Amino acid sequence: MFLAADPTFEGKHLIERPFDKVLDWLQTIDDSLDVDNTGATSQKFGFGVYAPNCEESPSDPVEAVIVFEKGYYDN
């Protein structure tokens, strides 16, 4: 599989890693992490990971990453 980008944070690759492993790590660095049935978002660090089946299959890989500036999710 060809990846157009290989986003990393603190030296950790985010794409194609099992969601549950990424989630475990993220929860150690962000105690206010938002987790839902399609992934996790860190307002603290300004990025989120998308794994559309993470609720049913938590070991499925992260498929996408969003990077955003402070206030992106504000009303």
PDB file of N, CA and C in Angstrom:
ATOM      1  N   MET A   1       0.838  -1.177   0.000  1.00  0.00           N
ATOM      2  CA  MET A   1       0.000   0.000   0.000  1.00  0.00           C
ATOM      3  C   MET A   1       0.880   1.236   0.000  1.00  0.00           C
ATOM      4  N   PHE A   2       0.549   2.192  -0.858  1.00  0.00           N
ATOM      5  CA  PHE A   2       1.277   3.451  -0.941  1.00  0.00           C
ATOM      6  C   PHE A   2       0.606   4.487  -0.059  1.00  0.00           C
ATOM      7  N   LEU A   3       1.358   5.130   0.790  1.00  0.00           N
ATOM      8  CA  LEU A   3       0.831   6.202   1.631  1.00  0.00           C
ATOM      9  C   LEU A   3       1.371   7.532   1.136  1.00  0.00           C
ATOM     10  N   ALA A   4       0.479   8.480   0.925  1.00  0.00           N
ATOM     11  CA  ALA A   4       0.896   9.800   0.467  1.00  0.00           C
ATOM     12  C   ALA A   4       1.608  10.568   1.578  1.00  0.00           C
ATOM     13  N   ALA A   5       1.275  10.263   2.813  1.00  0.00           N
ATOM     14  CA  ALA A   5       1.892  10.934   3.954  1.00  0.00           C
ATOM     15  C   ALA A   5       2.093   9.915   5.065  1.00  0.00           C
ATOM     16  N   ASP A   6       3.020  10.206   5.927  1.00  0.00           N
ATOM     17  CA  ASP A   6       3.291   9.335   7.066  1.00  0.00           C
ATOM     18  C   ASP A   6       3.347  10.196   8.322  1.00  0.00           C
ATOM     19  N   PRO A   7       2.175  10.657   8.804  1.00  0.00           N
ATOM     20  CA  PRO A   7       2.185  11.538   9.963  1.00  0.00           C
ATOM     21  C   PRO A   7       2.711  10.842  11.215  1.00  0.00           C
ATOM     22  N   THR A   8       3.531  11.582  11.940  1.00  0.00           N
ATOM     23  CA  THR A   8       4.079  11.086  13.200  1.00  0.00           C
ATOM     24  C   THR A   8       3.865  12.146  14.273  1.00  0.00           C
ATOM     25  N   PHE A   9       3.877  11.707  15.511  1.00  0.00           N
ATOM     26  CA  PHE A   9       3.829  12.614  16.646  1.00  0.00           C
ATOM     27  C   PHE A   9       4.727  12.047  17.716  1.00  0.00           C
ATOM     28  N   GLU A  10       5.630  12.885  18.208  1.00  0.00           N
ATOM     29  CA  GLU A  10       6.615  12.452  19.194  1.00  0.00           C
ATOM     30  C   GLU A  10       7.322  11.164  18.753  1.00  0.00           C
ATOM     31  N   GLY A  11       7.630  11.091  17.459  1.00  0.00           N
ATOM     32  CA  GLY A  11       8.353   9.956  16.914  1.00  0.00           C
ATOM     33  C   GLY A  11       7.525   8.709  16.668  1.00  0.00           C
ATOM     34  N   LYS A  12       6.236   8.767  16.929  1.00  0.00           N
ATOM     35  CA  LYS A  12       5.352   7.601  16.736  1.00  0.00           C
ATOM     36  C   LYS A  12       4.591   7.757  15.421  1.00  0.00           C
ATOM     37  N   HIS A  13       4.622   6.736  14.591  1.00  0.00           N
ATOM     38  CA  HIS A  13       3.838   6.713  13.364  1.00  0.00           C
ATOM     39  C   HIS A  13       2.375   6.485  13.738  1.00  0.00           C
ATOM     40  N   LEU A  14       1.474   7.177  13.064  1.00  0.00           N
ATOM     41  CA  LEU A  14       0.062   7.110  13.416  1.00  0.00           C
ATOM     42  C   LEU A  14      -0.767   6.285  12.431  1.00  0.00           C
ATOM     43  N   ILE A  15      -0.458   6.354  11.160  1.00  0.00           N
ATOM     44  CA  ILE A  15      -1.229   5.641  10.128  1.00  0.00           C
ATOM     45  C   ILE A  15      -0.805   4.171  10.083  1.00  0.00           C
ATOM     46  N   GLU A  16      -1.794   3.314   9.840  1.00  0.00           N
ATOM     47  CA  GLU A  16      -1.582   1.876   9.666  1.00  0.00           C
ATOM     48  C   GLU A  16      -1.182   1.144  10.945  1.00  0.00           C
ATOM     49  N   ARG A  17      -1.153   1.833  12.077  1.00  0.00           N
ATOM     50  CA  ARG A  17      -0.924   1.159  13.358  1.00  0.00           C
ATOM     51  C   ARG A  17      -2.266   0.757  13.934  1.00  0.00           C
ATOM     52  N   PRO A  18      -2.329  -0.309  14.694  1.00  0.00           N
ATOM     53  CA  PRO A  18      -3.600  -0.716  15.307  1.00  0.00           C
ATOM     54  C   PRO A  18      -4.167   0.404  16.176  1.00  0.00           C
ATOM     55  N   PHE A  19      -5.446   0.694  15.999  1.00  0.00           N
ATOM     56  CA  PHE A  19      -6.084   1.775  16.741  1.00  0.00           C
ATOM     57  C   PHE A  19      -5.916   1.599  18.243  1.00  0.00           C
ATOM     58  N   ASP A  20      -6.118   0.380  18.750  1.00  0.00           N
ATOM     59  CA  ASP A  20      -6.028   0.184  20.201  1.00  0.00           C
ATOM     60  C   ASP A  20      -4.643   0.514  20.741  1.00  0.00           C
ATOM     61  N   LYS A  21      -3.604   0.255  19.968  1.00  0.00           N
ATOM     62  CA  LYS A  21      -2.239   0.585  20.410  1.00  0.00           C
ATOM     63  C   LYS A  21      -2.032   2.098  20.411  1.00  0.00           C
ATOM     64  N   VAL A  22      -2.517   2.770  19.350  1.00  0.00           N
ATOM     65  CA  VAL A  22      -2.412   4.230  19.281  1.00  0.00           C
ATOM     66  C   VAL A  22      -3.209   4.854  20.424  1.00  0.00           C
ATOM     67  N   LEU A  23      -4.411   4.338  20.668  1.00  0.00           N
ATOM     68  CA  LEU A  23      -5.254   4.854  21.742  1.00  0.00           C
ATOM     69  C   LEU A  23      -4.576   4.694  23.101  1.00  0.00           C
ATOM     70  N   ASP A  24      -4.033   3.535  23.373  1.00  0.00           N
ATOM     71  CA  ASP A  24      -3.334   3.316  24.646  1.00  0.00           C
ATOM     72  C   ASP A  24      -2.242   4.358  24.857  1.00  0.00           C
ATOM     73  N   TRP A  25      -1.462   4.607  23.818  1.00  0.00           N
ATOM     74  CA  TRP A  25      -0.376   5.578  23.905  1.00  0.00           C
ATOM     75  C   TRP A  25      -0.926   6.997  24.091  1.00  0.00           C
ATOM     76  N   LEU A  26      -1.934   7.364  23.285  1.00  0.00           N
ATOM     77  CA  LEU A  26      -2.509   8.709  23.386  1.00  0.00           C
ATOM     78  C   LEU A  26      -3.074   8.982  24.783  1.00  0.00           C
ATOM     79  N   GLN A  27      -3.682   7.990  25.380  1.00  0.00           N
ATOM     80  CA  GLN A  27      -4.257   8.174  26.712  1.00  0.00           C
ATOM     81  C   GLN A  27      -3.184   8.418  27.779  1.00  0.00           C
ATOM     82  N   THR A  28      -1.959   8.016  27.516  1.00  0.00           N
ATOM     83  CA  THR A  28      -0.878   8.284  28.474  1.00  0.00           C
ATOM     84  C   THR A  28      -0.355   9.710  28.365  1.00  0.00           C
ATOM     85  N   ILE A  29      -0.582  10.374  27.228  1.00  0.00           N
ATOM     86  CA  ILE A  29      -0.055  11.735  27.047  1.00  0.00           C
ATOM     87  C   ILE A  29      -1.141  12.809  27.050  1.00  0.00           C
ATOM     88  N   ASP A  30      -2.406  12.406  26.970  1.00  0.00           N
ATOM     89  CA  ASP A  30      -3.515  13.370  26.968  1.00  0.00           C
ATOM     90  C   ASP A  30      -4.661  12.820  27.809  1.00  0.00           C
ATOM     91  N   ASP A  31      -4.806  13.344  29.015  1.00  0.00           N
ATOM     92  CA  ASP A  31      -5.846  12.838  29.908  1.00  0.00           C
ATOM     93  C   ASP A  31      -7.241  13.390  29.588  1.00  0.00           C
ATOM     94  N   SER A  32      -7.341  14.255  28.576  1.00  0.00           N
ATOM     95  CA  SER A  32      -8.642  14.774  28.160  1.00  0.00           C
ATOM     96  C   SER A  32      -8.996  14.343  26.735  1.00  0.00           C
ATOM     97  N   LEU A  33      -8.424  13.240  26.308  1.00  0.00           N
ATOM     98  CA  LEU A  33      -8.641  12.716  24.956  1.00  0.00           C
ATOM     99  C   LEU A  33     -10.123  12.431  24.723  1.00  0.00           C
ATOM    100  N   ASP A  34     -10.644  12.869  23.567  1.00  0.00           N
ATOM    101  CA  ASP A  34     -12.023  12.566  23.170  1.00  0.00           C
ATOM    102  C   ASP A  34     -12.008  11.295  22.338  1.00  0.00           C
ATOM    103  N   VAL A  35     -12.739  10.268  22.788  1.00  0.00           N
ATOM    104  CA  VAL A  35     -12.794   8.990  22.074  1.00  0.00           C
ATOM    105  C   VAL A  35     -14.242   8.727  21.700  1.00  0.00           C
ATOM    106  N   ASP A  36     -14.463   8.324  20.439  1.00  0.00           N
ATOM    107  CA  ASP A  36     -15.808   7.949  20.022  1.00  0.00           C
ATOM    108  C   ASP A  36     -15.741   6.689  19.165  1.00  0.00           C
ATOM    109  N   ASN A  37     -16.828   6.371  18.477  1.00  0.00           N
ATOM    110  CA  ASN A  37     -16.881   5.107  17.737  1.00  0.00           C
ATOM    111  C   ASN A  37     -16.136   5.135  16.409  1.00  0.00           C
ATOM    112  N   THR A  38     -15.484   6.249  16.084  1.00  0.00           N
ATOM    113  CA  THR A  38     -14.696   6.297  14.858  1.00  0.00           C
ATOM    114  C   THR A  38     -13.247   6.734  15.081  1.00  0.00           C
ATOM    115  N   GLY A  39     -12.850   6.927  16.327  1.00  0.00           N
ATOM    116  CA  GLY A  39     -11.474   7.316  16.560  1.00  0.00           C
ATOM    117  C   GLY A  39     -11.286   8.108  17.828  1.00  0.00           C
ATOM    118  N   ALA A  40     -10.264   8.962  17.803  1.00  0.00           N
ATOM    119  CA  ALA A  40      -9.920   9.758  18.979  1.00  0.00           C
ATOM    120  C   ALA A  40      -9.382  11.110  18.540  1.00  0.00           C
ATOM    121  N   THR A  41      -9.667  12.131  19.360  1.00  0.00           N
ATOM    122  CA  THR A  41      -9.223  13.490  19.055  1.00  0.00           C
ATOM    123  C   THR A  41      -8.546  14.089  20.280  1.00  0.00           C
ATOM    124  N   SER A  42      -7.391  14.669  20.047  1.00  0.00           N
ATOM    125  CA  SER A  42      -6.664  15.358  21.097  1.00  0.00           C
ATOM    126  C   SER A  42      -6.738  16.855  20.855  1.00  0.00           C
ATOM    127  N   GLN A  43      -7.592  17.535  21.633  1.00  0.00           N
ATOM    128  CA  GLN A  43      -7.644  18.996  21.579  1.00  0.00           C
ATOM    129  C   GLN A  43      -6.317  19.573  22.093  1.00  0.00           C
ATOM    130  N   LYS A  44      -5.723  18.882  23.043  1.00  0.00           N
ATOM    131  CA  LYS A  44      -4.470  19.335  23.653  1.00  0.00           C
ATOM    132  C   LYS A  44      -3.356  19.471  22.620  1.00  0.00           C
ATOM    133  N   PHE A  45      -3.252  18.489  21.720  1.00  0.00           N
ATOM    134  CA  PHE A  45      -2.163  18.482  20.743  1.00  0.00           C
ATOM    135  C   PHE A  45      -2.596  18.873  19.331  1.00  0.00           C
ATOM    136  N   GLY A  46      -3.900  18.991  19.082  1.00  0.00           N
ATOM    137  CA  GLY A  46      -4.370  19.446  17.783  1.00  0.00           C
ATOM    138  C   GLY A  46      -4.352  18.413  16.680  1.00  0.00           C
ATOM    139  N   PHE A  47      -4.679  17.173  17.023  1.00  0.00           N
ATOM    140  CA  PHE A  47      -4.808  16.164  15.975  1.00  0.00           C
ATOM    141  C   PHE A  47      -5.775  15.069  16.416  1.00  0.00           C
ATOM    142  N   GLY A  48      -6.264  14.339  15.427  1.00  0.00           N
ATOM    143  CA  GLY A  48      -7.151  13.220  15.691  1.00  0.00           C
ATOM    144  C   GLY A  48      -6.818  12.062  14.781  1.00  0.00           C
ATOM    145  N   VAL A  49      -7.186  10.880  15.209  1.00  0.00           N
ATOM    146  CA  VAL A  49      -6.976   9.677  14.405  1.00  0.00           C
ATOM    147  C   VAL A  49      -8.336   9.063  14.086  1.00  0.00           C
ATOM    148  N   TYR A  50      -8.456   8.530  12.875  1.00  0.00           N
ATOM    149  CA  TYR A  50      -9.712   7.975  12.375  1.00  0.00           C
ATOM    150  C   TYR A  50      -9.541   6.486  12.104  1.00  0.00           C
ATOM    151  N   ALA A  51     -10.393   5.700  12.733  1.00  0.00           N
ATOM    152  CA  ALA A  51     -10.444   4.247  12.522  1.00  0.00           C
ATOM    153  C   ALA A  51     -11.928   3.879  12.548  1.00  0.00           C
ATOM    154  N   PRO A  52     -12.577   3.846  11.381  1.00  0.00           N
ATOM    155  CA  PRO A  52     -14.037   3.773  11.317  1.00  0.00           C
ATOM    156  C   PRO A  52     -14.691   2.580  12.010  1.00  0.00           C
ATOM    157  N   ASN A  53     -13.981   1.506  12.192  1.00  0.00           N
ATOM    158  CA  ASN A  53     -14.554   0.316  12.842  1.00  0.00           C
ATOM    159  C   ASN A  53     -13.955   0.043  14.212  1.00  0.00           C
ATOM    160  N   CYS A  54     -13.390   1.064  14.836  1.00  0.00           N
ATOM    161  CA  CYS A  54     -12.649   0.842  16.083  1.00  0.00           C
ATOM    162  C   CYS A  54     -13.522   0.321  17.212  1.00  0.00           C
ATOM    163  N   GLU A  55     -14.805   0.615  17.186  1.00  0.00           N
ATOM    164  CA  GLU A  55     -15.672   0.117  18.248  1.00  0.00           C
ATOM    165  C   GLU A  55     -15.835  -1.402  18.164  1.00  0.00           C
ATOM    166  N   GLU A  56     -16.048  -1.913  16.953  1.00  0.00           N
ATOM    167  CA  GLU A  56     -16.225  -3.357  16.758  1.00  0.00           C
ATOM    168  C   GLU A  56     -14.890  -4.102  16.642  1.00  0.00           C
ATOM    169  N   SER A  57     -13.904  -3.425  16.049  1.00  0.00           N
ATOM    170  CA  SER A  57     -12.597  -4.053  15.806  1.00  0.00           C
ATOM    171  C   SER A  57     -11.483  -3.101  16.233  1.00  0.00           C
ATOM    172  N   PRO A  58     -11.217  -3.012  17.530  1.00  0.00           N
ATOM    173  CA  PRO A  58     -10.242  -2.036  18.018  1.00  0.00           C
ATOM    174  C   PRO A  58      -8.822  -2.218  17.498  1.00  0.00           C
ATOM    175  N   SER A  59      -8.504  -3.399  16.986  1.00  0.00           N
ATOM    176  CA  SER A  59      -7.153  -3.591  16.460  1.00  0.00           C
ATOM    177  C   SER A  59      -7.042  -3.238  14.978  1.00  0.00           C
ATOM    178  N   ASP A  60      -8.152  -2.791  14.364  1.00  0.00           N
ATOM    179  CA  ASP A  60      -8.068  -2.317  12.980  1.00  0.00           C
ATOM    180  C   ASP A  60      -7.135  -1.109  12.931  1.00  0.00           C
ATOM    181  N   PRO A  61      -6.479  -0.908  11.793  1.00  0.00           N
ATOM    182  CA  PRO A  61      -5.515   0.188  11.714  1.00  0.00           C
ATOM    183  C   PRO A  61      -6.159   1.569  11.630  1.00  0.00           C
ATOM    184  N   VAL A  62      -5.422   2.546  12.094  1.00  0.00           N
ATOM    185  CA  VAL A  62      -5.792   3.943  11.900  1.00  0.00           C
ATOM    186  C   VAL A  62      -5.698   4.219  10.403  1.00  0.00           C
ATOM    187  N   GLU A  63      -6.758   4.808   9.841  1.00  0.00           N
ATOM    188  CA  GLU A  63      -6.814   5.049   8.401  1.00  0.00           C
ATOM    189  C   GLU A  63      -6.482   6.480   8.006  1.00  0.00           C
ATOM    190  N   ALA A  64      -6.702   7.433   8.922  1.00  0.00           N
ATOM    191  CA  ALA A  64      -6.466   8.830   8.587  1.00  0.00           C
ATOM    192  C   ALA A  64      -6.130   9.622   9.841  1.00  0.00           C
ATOM    193  N   VAL A  65      -5.512  10.761   9.628  1.00  0.00           N
ATOM    194  CA  VAL A  65      -5.158  11.673  10.706  1.00  0.00           C
ATOM    195  C   VAL A  65      -5.581  13.072  10.291  1.00  0.00           C
ATOM    196  N   ILE A  66      -6.181  13.808  11.216  1.00  0.00           N
ATOM    197  CA  ILE A  66      -6.484  15.218  11.001  1.00  0.00           C
ATOM    198  C   ILE A  66      -5.588  16.032  11.923  1.00  0.00           C
ATOM    199  N   VAL A  67      -5.071  17.122  11.400  1.00  0.00           N
ATOM    200  CA  VAL A  67      -4.279  18.055  12.191  1.00  0.00           C
ATOM    201  C   VAL A  67      -4.999  19.396  12.113  1.00  0.00           C
ATOM    202  N   PHE A  68      -5.179  20.041  13.254  1.00  0.00           N
ATOM    203  CA  PHE A  68      -5.965  21.271  13.268  1.00  0.00           C
ATOM    204  C   PHE A  68      -5.387  22.278  14.250  1.00  0.00           C
ATOM    205  N   GLU A  69      -5.775  23.536  14.040  1.00  0.00           N
ATOM    206  CA  GLU A  69      -5.311  24.598  14.930  1.00  0.00           C
ATOM    207  C   GLU A  69      -6.269  24.779  16.095  1.00  0.00           C
ATOM    208  N   LYS A  70      -5.783  25.430  17.127  1.00  0.00           N
ATOM    209  CA  LYS A  70      -6.595  25.688  18.315  1.00  0.00           C
ATOM    210  C   LYS A  70      -7.874  26.414  17.902  1.00  0.00           C
ATOM    211  N   GLY A  71      -8.994  25.940  18.433  1.00  0.00           N
ATOM    212  CA  GLY A  71     -10.282  26.541  18.132  1.00  0.00           C
ATOM    213  C   GLY A  71     -11.037  25.917  16.969  1.00  0.00           C
ATOM    214  N   TYR A  72     -10.431  24.976  16.277  1.00  0.00           N
ATOM    215  CA  TYR A  72     -11.058  24.361  15.102  1.00  0.00           C
ATOM    216  C   TYR A  72     -12.425  23.755  15.433  1.00  0.00           C
ATOM    217  N   TYR A  73     -12.557  23.128  16.570  1.00  0.00           N
ATOM    218  CA  TYR A  73     -13.808  22.469  16.957  1.00  0.00           C
ATOM    219  C   TYR A  73     -14.715  23.336  17.834  1.00  0.00           C
ATOM    220  N   ASP A  74     -14.327  24.585  18.063  1.00  0.00           N
ATOM    221  CA  ASP A  74     -15.169  25.474  18.852  1.00  0.00           C
ATOM    222  C   ASP A  74     -16.428  25.840  18.067  1.00  0.00           C
ATOM    223  N   ASN A  75     -17.470  26.204  18.791  1.00  0.00           N
ATOM    224  CA  ASN A  75     -18.724  26.614  18.136  1.00  0.00           C
ATOM    225  C   ASN A  75     -18.437  27.797  17.308  1.00  0.00           C
TER     226      ASN A  75
END
